[in-house]
Amino acid sequence: MKTDDAATLTTDHEQLRQAFAVFSQASTQLSGVYRELQQQVSRLTGELAVANGELQRELAAKEALSQQLSQLLTALPGGVVALDAAERIERVNPAAVRLLGQPLLGLPWRQIADKRLGPAGVCGEWYAGIGDPAGLRRVRIESSQSATSSARILLIHDITDAHAMQARALRHQRLAEMGEMAAGLAHQLRTPLSTALLYAGHLSNETLPAQERRGLAAKTIERLHHLEQLIRNMLQFVKGETAPAGQVALPTLLNELQRALAPQMQQRGLQFRVEDHSRGVNLHVNHEALCSALTNLLDNAMQASLPGGRITLACTAGEDEVVLSVSDDGPGIDTALQARLFEPFFTTRTEGTGLGLAIVHNVIRALNGDIEVESAPGAGSRFTVRLPRTLQAEVVAGAVQWSNNKRS
């Protein structure tokens, strides 16, 4: 019996020893796990502190950015209106308040637009400050839709001063164009007016025979009619009217130019010669436009020539074109300046307007023709006009005025 008890005791003791060994081993493992947990907690605490620091910095940066944006909105000269999804105003800047008045926050934008904005007649532009004429401003409104929601931001630009400057600039431009037109008209009228005055001056001579006086009177009336036609053409141009082309007999045209300009040529001591090789050809052009262009070329030749000089108006008719040329034996034109001769307001004479050749260039272009110059210092100048014989188009009567160059 004692033997059995001893064996049982030994067995219990062994089991207890084994259980204690297992407990010790488990305790050791738990201690290791606990240490690992402590290390992980320490690491996570450090990472959390770093993350909190970064969040704090980001929050501070966002607050600084928010302050900067708020200052920017306050300083912006244009109005900013933020609308929520229901199209109610949730934020405005001071510029928007100055333009639209108070109150604004919480009100529907449509209500503000209906009561405080008036149409300016241009898409996207409005008058702000309706009801207060002294504070009326012209504005342009642009809308920017949010990419993530149905909210909108309205940008209100005050364009009152810019619109006034634009209106003044347009007015100045119109005045400048009127000045150019007046200068061109004066240039066109100068030659026939000078001829009429010359004839009228001869009429004052009481010793002239009656027949010669009648001839001078007829020539004076002819020149005055020419002036009237030029003015009529200019008015047609201003109104946008057109004058149809007609059949122009080249011999008749050359004789007309010779009669009109010969007195002035003689008065300046110049020799004027007309060479007609047209073979009686007719051109389908506007008579006054072509006559005015050739008169300008002849007038420029007179201005460039010295007493005793020779000016020649020549005409040659080919199968496809007619060539008209005006040549003189004056001082000539430097090669470097020839490329600019047809530019408006470019002149080599101090008393010149710089419009004559520009007008001629525009007229010849309107007649579907070309003009070129040949000149050299000391060798005179030759201006050659080439016109197609098959021209059938109508031309603008006002092409005698350089202003048409802007519209072409």
Protein backbone atom coordinates (compact mmCIF):
# COMPACT_ATOMS: atom_id res chain seq x y z
CA MET A 1 0.00 0.00 0.00
CA LYS A 2 2.82 2.32 0.84
CA THR A 3 4.48 1.40 -2.38
CA ASP A 4 1.43 2.48 -4.32
CA ASP A 5 1.25 5.75 -2.46
CA ALA A 6 4.90 6.43 -3.11
CA ALA A 7 4.45 5.73 -6.80
CA THR A 8 1.44 8.02 -6.95
CA LEU A 9 3.32 10.74 -5.16
CA THR A 10 6.22 10.41 -7.50
CA THR A 11 3.88 10.63 -10.47
CA ASP A 12 2.20 13.76 -9.11
CA HIS A 13 5.52 15.31 -8.40
CA GLU A 14 6.64 14.65 -11.97
CA GLN A 15 3.43 16.07 -13.40
CA LEU A 16 3.76 19.10 -11.17
CA ARG A 17 7.34 19.57 -12.30
CA GLN A 18 6.31 19.28 -15.93
CA ALA A 19 3.40 21.67 -15.43
CA PHE A 20 5.73 24.17 -13.74
CA ALA A 21 8.19 23.83 -16.61
CA VAL A 22 5.37 24.48 -19.12
CA PHE A 23 4.22 27.46 -17.03
CA SER A 24 7.74 28.85 -16.88
CA GLN A 25 8.12 28.43 -20.61
CA ALA A 26 4.74 30.13 -21.23
CA SER A 27 5.65 32.89 -18.81
CA THR A 28 8.91 33.45 -20.65
CA GLN A 29 7.08 33.58 -23.98
CA LEU A 30 4.50 35.99 -22.57
CA SER A 31 7.27 38.21 -21.26
CA GLY A 32 8.83 38.27 -24.74
CA VAL A 33 5.51 39.03 -26.35
CA TYR A 34 4.88 41.79 -23.82
CA ARG A 35 8.25 43.33 -24.55
CA GLU A 36 7.52 43.19 -28.26
CA LEU A 37 4.14 44.83 -27.64
CA GLN A 38 5.81 47.53 -25.59
CA GLN A 39 8.28 48.14 -28.43
CA GLN A 40 5.45 48.28 -30.96
CA VAL A 41 3.49 50.66 -28.72
CA SER A 42 6.56 52.86 -28.38
CA ARG A 43 7.13 52.82 -32.15
CA LEU A 44 3.47 53.54 -32.90
CA THR A 45 3.49 56.32 -30.31
CA GLY A 46 6.46 57.87 -32.06
CA GLU A 47 4.87 57.50 -35.46
CA LEU A 48 1.65 58.98 -34.12
CA ALA A 49 3.55 61.92 -32.72
CA VAL A 50 5.22 62.47 -36.08
CA ALA A 51 1.86 62.20 -37.86
CA ASN A 52 0.32 64.61 -35.39
CA GLY A 53 3.18 67.01 -36.02
CA GLU A 54 2.68 66.80 -39.76
CA LEU A 55 -1.05 67.29 -39.35
CA GLN A 56 -0.40 70.32 -37.17
CA ARG A 57 1.94 71.76 -39.79
CA GLU A 58 -0.56 71.06 -42.58
CA LEU A 59 -3.31 72.64 -40.51
CA ALA A 60 -1.15 75.70 -39.88
CA ALA A 61 -0.28 75.90 -43.57
CA LYS A 62 -3.95 75.63 -44.51
CA GLU A 63 -4.85 78.33 -42.02
CA ALA A 64 -2.12 80.56 -43.45
CA LEU A 65 -3.35 79.83 -46.99
CA SER A 66 -6.92 80.56 -45.92
CA GLN A 67 -5.79 83.90 -44.50
CA GLN A 68 -3.88 84.69 -47.67
CA LEU A 69 -6.89 83.81 -49.83
CA SER A 70 -9.09 85.93 -47.62
CA GLN A 71 -6.68 88.85 -47.93
CA LEU A 72 -6.48 88.27 -51.67
CA LEU A 73 -10.26 88.28 -52.03
CA THR A 74 -10.38 91.47 -50.00
CA ALA A 75 -7.70 93.14 -52.13
CA LEU A 76 -9.05 92.00 -55.50
CA PRO A 77 -10.38 94.93 -57.57
CA GLY A 78 -12.94 92.60 -59.16
CA GLY A 79 -15.96 91.22 -57.40
CA VAL A 80 -16.16 87.56 -56.32
CA VAL A 81 -19.50 85.94 -55.50
CA ALA A 82 -19.62 82.30 -54.33
CA LEU A 83 -22.93 80.49 -54.89
CA ASP A 84 -24.00 77.24 -53.26
CA ALA A 85 -25.82 74.40 -54.99
CA ALA A 86 -29.14 76.24 -54.51
CA GLU A 87 -27.74 79.35 -56.27
CA ARG A 88 -27.72 81.33 -53.04
CA ILE A 89 -24.88 83.67 -52.20
CA GLU A 90 -22.68 82.18 -49.49
CA ARG A 91 -19.62 84.43 -49.75
CA VAL A 92 -18.65 87.77 -51.30
CA ASN A 93 -15.66 90.05 -51.25
CA PRO A 94 -15.68 93.85 -50.66
CA ALA A 95 -15.45 94.62 -54.37
CA ALA A 96 -18.67 92.67 -55.01
CA VAL A 97 -20.36 94.61 -52.22
CA ARG A 98 -19.25 97.92 -53.75
CA LEU A 99 -20.62 96.92 -57.14
CA LEU A 100 -23.83 95.17 -56.08
CA GLY A 101 -24.65 96.80 -52.74
CA GLN A 102 -26.02 95.22 -49.57
CA PRO A 103 -27.45 92.84 -48.47
CA LEU A 104 -26.03 89.89 -50.39
CA LEU A 105 -25.32 86.88 -48.18
CA GLY A 106 -28.02 84.23 -48.21
CA LEU A 107 -30.00 85.85 -51.02
CA PRO A 108 -30.74 84.09 -54.32
CA TRP A 109 -28.44 85.29 -57.08
CA ARG A 110 -31.35 85.58 -59.52
CA GLN A 111 -33.02 88.09 -57.22
CA ILE A 112 -29.85 90.21 -57.07
CA ALA A 113 -29.39 90.03 -60.85
CA ASP A 114 -33.00 91.05 -61.55
CA LYS A 115 -33.02 94.02 -59.16
CA ARG A 116 -29.45 95.34 -59.29
CA LEU A 117 -28.22 94.60 -62.83
CA GLY A 118 -29.33 96.00 -66.16
CA PRO A 119 -28.41 94.77 -69.67
CA ALA A 120 -25.63 96.71 -71.41
CA GLY A 121 -26.45 95.48 -74.89
CA VAL A 122 -23.37 93.23 -75.08
CA CYS A 123 -23.37 89.55 -74.15
CA GLY A 124 -21.91 89.07 -70.66
CA GLU A 125 -21.88 92.80 -69.87
CA TRP A 126 -24.23 94.59 -67.47
CA TYR A 127 -24.83 97.88 -65.72
CA ALA A 128 -24.47 97.58 -61.95
CA GLY A 129 -25.96 100.07 -59.51
CA ILE A 130 -29.35 100.46 -61.19
CA GLY A 131 -31.27 103.23 -59.48
CA ASP A 132 -28.15 105.22 -58.65
CA PRO A 133 -27.06 107.11 -61.81
CA ALA A 134 -24.06 108.59 -60.02
CA GLY A 135 -22.77 105.15 -59.09
CA LEU A 136 -23.68 103.31 -62.29
CA ARG A 137 -20.85 100.99 -63.37
CA ARG A 138 -20.41 98.77 -66.42
CA VAL A 139 -19.37 95.22 -65.48
CA ARG A 140 -18.57 91.94 -67.16
CA ILE A 141 -19.60 88.76 -65.33
CA GLU A 142 -17.89 85.40 -65.82
CA SER A 143 -19.04 82.13 -64.26
CA SER A 144 -16.82 79.26 -63.08
CA GLN A 145 -18.46 75.93 -62.25
CA SER A 146 -17.04 73.74 -59.48
CA ALA A 147 -15.59 70.45 -60.72
CA THR A 148 -16.84 68.50 -57.69
CA SER A 149 -20.23 70.07 -56.96
CA SER A 150 -22.94 72.22 -58.47
CA ALA A 151 -21.62 75.34 -56.72
CA ARG A 152 -20.47 78.31 -58.83
CA ILE A 153 -18.15 81.27 -58.49
CA LEU A 154 -18.99 84.50 -60.27
CA LEU A 155 -16.22 86.93 -61.22
CA ILE A 156 -17.41 90.52 -61.68
CA HIS A 157 -15.01 92.79 -63.57
CA ASP A 158 -15.52 96.54 -63.46
CA ILE A 159 -14.90 97.63 -67.07
CA THR A 160 -16.30 101.15 -66.78
CA ASP A 161 -12.98 102.91 -67.29
CA ALA A 162 -11.81 100.45 -69.96
CA HIS A 163 -15.08 100.87 -71.87
CA ALA A 164 -14.78 104.66 -71.67
CA MET A 165 -11.19 104.49 -72.94
CA GLN A 166 -12.27 102.23 -75.79
CA ALA A 167 -15.06 104.65 -76.72
CA ARG A 168 -12.60 107.55 -76.71
CA ALA A 169 -10.15 105.54 -78.82
CA LEU A 170 -12.88 104.73 -81.36
CA ARG A 171 -13.88 108.39 -81.45
CA HIS A 172 -10.28 109.45 -82.02
CA GLN A 173 -9.98 106.82 -84.74
CA ARG A 174 -13.07 108.16 -86.47
CA LEU A 175 -11.71 111.69 -86.19
CA ALA A 176 -8.39 110.52 -87.63
CA GLU A 177 -10.16 108.79 -90.52
CA MET A 178 -12.16 111.94 -91.14
CA GLY A 179 -8.90 113.91 -91.17
CA GLU A 180 -7.37 111.47 -93.64
CA MET A 181 -10.47 111.68 -95.80
CA ALA A 182 -10.33 115.48 -95.72
CA ALA A 183 -6.64 115.42 -96.64
CA GLY A 184 -7.33 113.01 -99.49
CA LEU A 185 -10.22 115.12 -100.74
CA ALA A 186 -8.04 118.26 -100.62
CA HIS A 187 -5.37 116.42 -102.59
CA GLN A 188 -7.92 115.37 -105.19
CA LEU A 189 -9.40 118.86 -105.56
CA ARG A 190 -6.14 120.77 -105.72
CA THR A 191 -5.28 120.20 -109.40
CA PRO A 192 -8.69 120.98 -111.00
CA LEU A 193 -9.14 123.89 -108.61
CA SER A 194 -5.75 125.32 -109.58
CA THR A 195 -6.70 125.02 -113.25
CA ALA A 196 -10.06 126.72 -112.67
CA LEU A 197 -8.35 129.55 -110.79
CA LEU A 198 -5.86 129.94 -113.62
CA TYR A 199 -8.66 130.24 -116.18
CA ALA A 200 -10.58 132.63 -113.92
CA GLY A 201 -7.46 134.75 -113.57
CA HIS A 202 -7.24 135.09 -117.35
CA LEU A 203 -10.88 136.11 -117.48
CA SER A 204 -10.05 139.19 -115.42
CA ASN A 205 -7.96 140.46 -118.33
CA GLU A 206 -10.27 143.00 -120.03
CA THR A 207 -8.11 143.14 -123.16
CA LEU A 208 -8.90 139.55 -124.14
CA PRO A 209 -11.14 139.09 -127.19
CA ALA A 210 -14.69 137.99 -126.49
CA GLN A 211 -14.21 134.65 -128.21
CA GLU A 212 -11.14 133.81 -126.11
CA ARG A 213 -12.94 134.93 -122.97
CA ARG A 214 -15.83 132.58 -123.82
CA GLY A 215 -13.35 129.76 -124.33
CA LEU A 216 -11.72 130.42 -120.97
CA ALA A 217 -15.14 130.61 -119.31
CA ALA A 218 -16.11 127.28 -120.83
CA LYS A 219 -12.87 125.70 -119.59
CA THR A 220 -13.44 127.18 -116.14
CA ILE A 221 -16.95 125.73 -116.01
CA GLU A 222 -15.58 122.38 -117.21
CA ARG A 223 -13.06 122.31 -114.35
CA LEU A 224 -15.75 123.31 -111.84
CA HIS A 225 -17.94 120.47 -113.10
CA HIS A 226 -14.99 118.17 -112.60
CA LEU A 227 -14.68 119.39 -109.01
CA GLU A 228 -18.37 118.77 -108.50
CA GLN A 229 -18.00 115.22 -109.82
CA LEU A 230 -15.09 114.53 -107.50
CA ILE A 231 -17.10 115.71 -104.52
CA ARG A 232 -20.05 113.59 -105.65
CA ASN A 233 -17.80 110.53 -105.90
CA MET A 234 -16.42 111.21 -102.45
CA LEU A 235 -19.92 111.42 -101.01
CA GLN A 236 -20.79 108.16 -102.76
CA PHE A 237 -17.80 106.55 -101.10
CA VAL A 238 -18.80 107.86 -97.65
CA LYS A 239 -22.31 106.49 -98.13
CA GLY A 240 -20.98 103.17 -99.43
CA GLU A 241 -22.54 103.65 -102.84
CA THR A 242 -20.99 102.30 -106.01
CA ALA A 243 -20.59 103.79 -109.48
CA PRO A 244 -20.82 101.43 -112.45
CA ALA A 245 -17.99 101.18 -114.90
CA GLY A 246 -18.51 102.42 -118.40
CA GLN A 247 -16.82 102.53 -121.78
CA VAL A 248 -13.91 104.99 -121.72
CA ALA A 249 -12.30 105.92 -125.03
CA LEU A 250 -8.59 106.23 -124.37
CA PRO A 251 -8.00 108.97 -126.99
CA THR A 252 -10.76 111.04 -125.39
CA LEU A 253 -9.30 110.47 -121.94
CA LEU A 254 -5.83 111.52 -123.07
CA ASN A 255 -7.18 114.66 -124.74
CA GLU A 256 -9.11 115.53 -121.60
CA LEU A 257 -5.99 115.21 -119.45
CA GLN A 258 -3.99 117.26 -121.90
CA ARG A 259 -6.56 120.09 -121.89
CA ALA A 260 -6.81 120.04 -118.12
CA LEU A 261 -3.10 120.07 -117.30
CA ALA A 262 -1.45 121.89 -120.20
CA PRO A 263 -2.13 125.36 -118.70
CA GLN A 264 -0.45 124.44 -115.43
CA MET A 265 2.48 122.86 -117.30
CA GLN A 266 2.96 126.08 -119.28
CA GLN A 267 2.71 128.20 -116.17
CA ARG A 268 5.52 126.17 -114.56
CA GLY A 269 7.65 126.34 -117.70
CA LEU A 270 7.32 122.61 -118.40
CA GLN A 271 6.97 120.76 -121.70
CA PHE A 272 3.97 118.44 -121.72
CA ARG A 273 3.69 115.76 -124.39
CA VAL A 274 0.99 113.15 -124.89
CA GLU A 275 1.83 110.03 -126.92
CA ASP A 276 -1.28 108.14 -127.99
CA HIS A 277 -0.65 104.62 -129.28
CA SER A 278 -3.97 103.29 -128.02
CA ARG A 279 -5.36 102.62 -131.55
CA GLY A 280 -8.72 103.95 -130.40
CA VAL A 281 -9.20 101.22 -127.77
CA ASN A 282 -11.99 101.53 -125.19
CA LEU A 283 -11.67 100.41 -121.57
CA HIS A 284 -14.59 99.28 -119.41
CA VAL A 285 -13.66 101.22 -116.24
CA ASN A 286 -14.90 104.02 -114.03
CA HIS A 287 -13.91 107.18 -115.90
CA GLU A 288 -13.50 109.46 -112.90
CA ALA A 289 -11.39 106.96 -110.94
CA LEU A 290 -8.91 106.41 -113.79
CA CYS A 291 -8.80 110.11 -114.67
CA SER A 292 -8.16 111.00 -111.03
CA ALA A 293 -5.32 108.47 -110.73
CA LEU A 294 -3.56 109.77 -113.85
CA THR A 295 -4.07 113.36 -112.74
CA ASN A 296 -2.35 112.55 -109.46
CA LEU A 297 0.60 111.01 -111.30
CA LEU A 298 0.90 114.04 -113.57
CA ASP A 299 0.62 116.40 -110.62
CA ASN A 300 3.44 114.55 -108.82
CA ALA A 301 5.55 114.78 -111.97
CA MET A 302 4.96 118.55 -112.08
CA GLN A 303 5.94 118.88 -108.44
CA ALA A 304 9.18 116.97 -109.07
CA SER A 305 10.20 118.76 -112.27
CA LEU A 306 12.24 121.95 -112.66
CA PRO A 307 11.39 124.70 -115.19
CA GLY A 308 12.31 123.54 -118.68
CA GLY A 309 11.68 119.91 -117.80
CA ARG A 310 9.65 117.50 -119.89
CA ILE A 311 6.69 115.37 -118.80
CA THR A 312 5.26 112.67 -121.04
CA LEU A 313 1.93 110.87 -120.81
CA ALA A 314 2.01 107.78 -123.04
CA CYS A 315 -0.57 105.11 -123.80
CA THR A 316 -0.06 101.76 -125.54
CA ALA A 317 -2.75 99.13 -126.16
CA GLY A 318 -1.83 95.46 -126.42
CA GLU A 319 -3.93 92.36 -126.96
CA ASP A 320 -4.65 91.78 -123.26
CA GLU A 321 -3.78 95.02 -121.51
CA VAL A 322 -3.45 98.77 -121.78
CA VAL A 323 -0.27 100.45 -120.53
CA LEU A 324 -0.36 104.07 -119.39
CA SER A 325 2.83 105.76 -118.26
CA VAL A 326 3.81 109.14 -116.82
CA SER A 327 7.49 110.02 -117.06
CA ASP A 328 9.55 113.05 -116.15
CA ASP A 329 13.21 114.07 -116.29
CA GLY A 330 13.31 115.36 -112.72
CA PRO A 331 15.82 114.51 -109.98
CA GLY A 332 14.59 110.91 -109.66
CA ILE A 333 13.94 108.82 -106.56
CA ASP A 334 16.47 106.97 -104.47
CA THR A 335 16.17 103.19 -104.76
CA ALA A 336 15.83 102.78 -100.99
CA LEU A 337 12.71 105.00 -101.00
CA GLN A 338 10.91 103.46 -103.98
CA ALA A 339 9.50 100.56 -101.96
CA ARG A 340 7.68 103.04 -99.70
CA LEU A 341 6.30 105.39 -102.34
CA PHE A 342 2.80 103.91 -102.18
CA GLU A 343 2.59 103.94 -98.38
CA PRO A 344 0.04 106.40 -96.99
CA PHE A 345 1.56 109.60 -95.57
CA PHE A 346 5.04 108.80 -96.89
CA THR A 347 6.36 111.74 -98.90
CA THR A 348 9.72 113.11 -99.97
CA ARG A 349 8.38 116.67 -100.16
CA THR A 350 7.99 118.83 -97.07
CA GLU A 351 4.73 120.30 -98.39
CA GLY A 352 3.33 116.93 -99.55
CA THR A 353 0.51 115.05 -97.83
CA GLY A 354 1.84 111.58 -98.63
CA LEU A 355 -1.59 110.54 -99.91
CA GLY A 356 -1.34 111.08 -103.67
CA LEU A 357 0.49 107.92 -104.65
CA ALA A 358 -1.37 105.90 -102.01
CA ILE A 359 -4.63 107.00 -103.61
CA VAL A 360 -3.33 106.11 -107.07
CA HIS A 361 -2.20 102.69 -105.89
CA ASN A 362 -5.58 101.98 -104.37
CA VAL A 363 -7.47 103.16 -107.45
CA ILE A 364 -5.43 101.00 -109.80
CA ARG A 365 -5.93 97.99 -107.54
CA ALA A 366 -9.69 98.67 -107.56
CA LEU A 367 -9.50 98.60 -111.35
CA ASN A 368 -7.77 95.19 -111.20
CA GLY A 369 -4.56 96.76 -112.48
CA ASP A 370 -0.97 97.14 -111.38
CA ILE A 371 1.34 100.12 -110.97
CA GLU A 372 5.13 100.16 -110.85
CA VAL A 373 7.85 102.78 -110.70
CA GLU A 374 11.21 103.02 -112.45
CA SER A 375 13.55 105.72 -111.19
CA ALA A 376 17.13 106.54 -110.37
CA PRO A 377 18.74 109.64 -108.87
CA GLY A 378 19.38 112.19 -111.62
CA ALA A 379 17.60 110.09 -114.27
CA GLY A 380 13.96 111.05 -113.75
CA SER A 381 11.04 108.76 -112.95
CA ARG A 382 8.48 106.69 -114.82
CA PHE A 383 5.22 105.42 -113.30
CA THR A 384 3.61 102.67 -115.37
CA VAL A 385 -0.03 101.59 -114.99
CA ARG A 386 -1.18 98.30 -116.51
CA LEU A 387 -4.91 97.64 -116.86
CA PRO A 388 -6.57 94.53 -118.29
CA ARG A 389 -8.66 95.13 -121.41
CA THR A 390 -11.27 92.58 -120.28
CA LEU A 391 -12.16 94.35 -117.04
CA GLN A 392 -15.93 94.10 -116.51
CA ALA A 393 -16.33 94.67 -112.79
CA GLU A 394 -17.88 97.67 -111.17
CA VAL A 395 -15.56 99.80 -109.06
CA VAL A 396 -16.18 101.81 -105.98
CA ALA A 397 -16.42 105.44 -106.92
CA GLY A 398 -14.80 106.38 -103.66
CA ALA A 399 -11.67 104.45 -104.52
CA VAL A 400 -10.15 107.81 -105.37
CA GLN A 401 -9.91 108.25 -101.61
CA TRP A 402 -7.11 106.47 -99.76
CA SER A 403 -9.37 105.56 -96.88
CA ASN A 404 -10.78 102.77 -99.03
CA ASN A 405 -7.36 101.12 -98.71
CA LYS A 406 -8.27 100.22 -95.15
CA ARG A 407 -11.42 98.44 -96.24
CA SER A 408 -9.82 96.46 -99.05
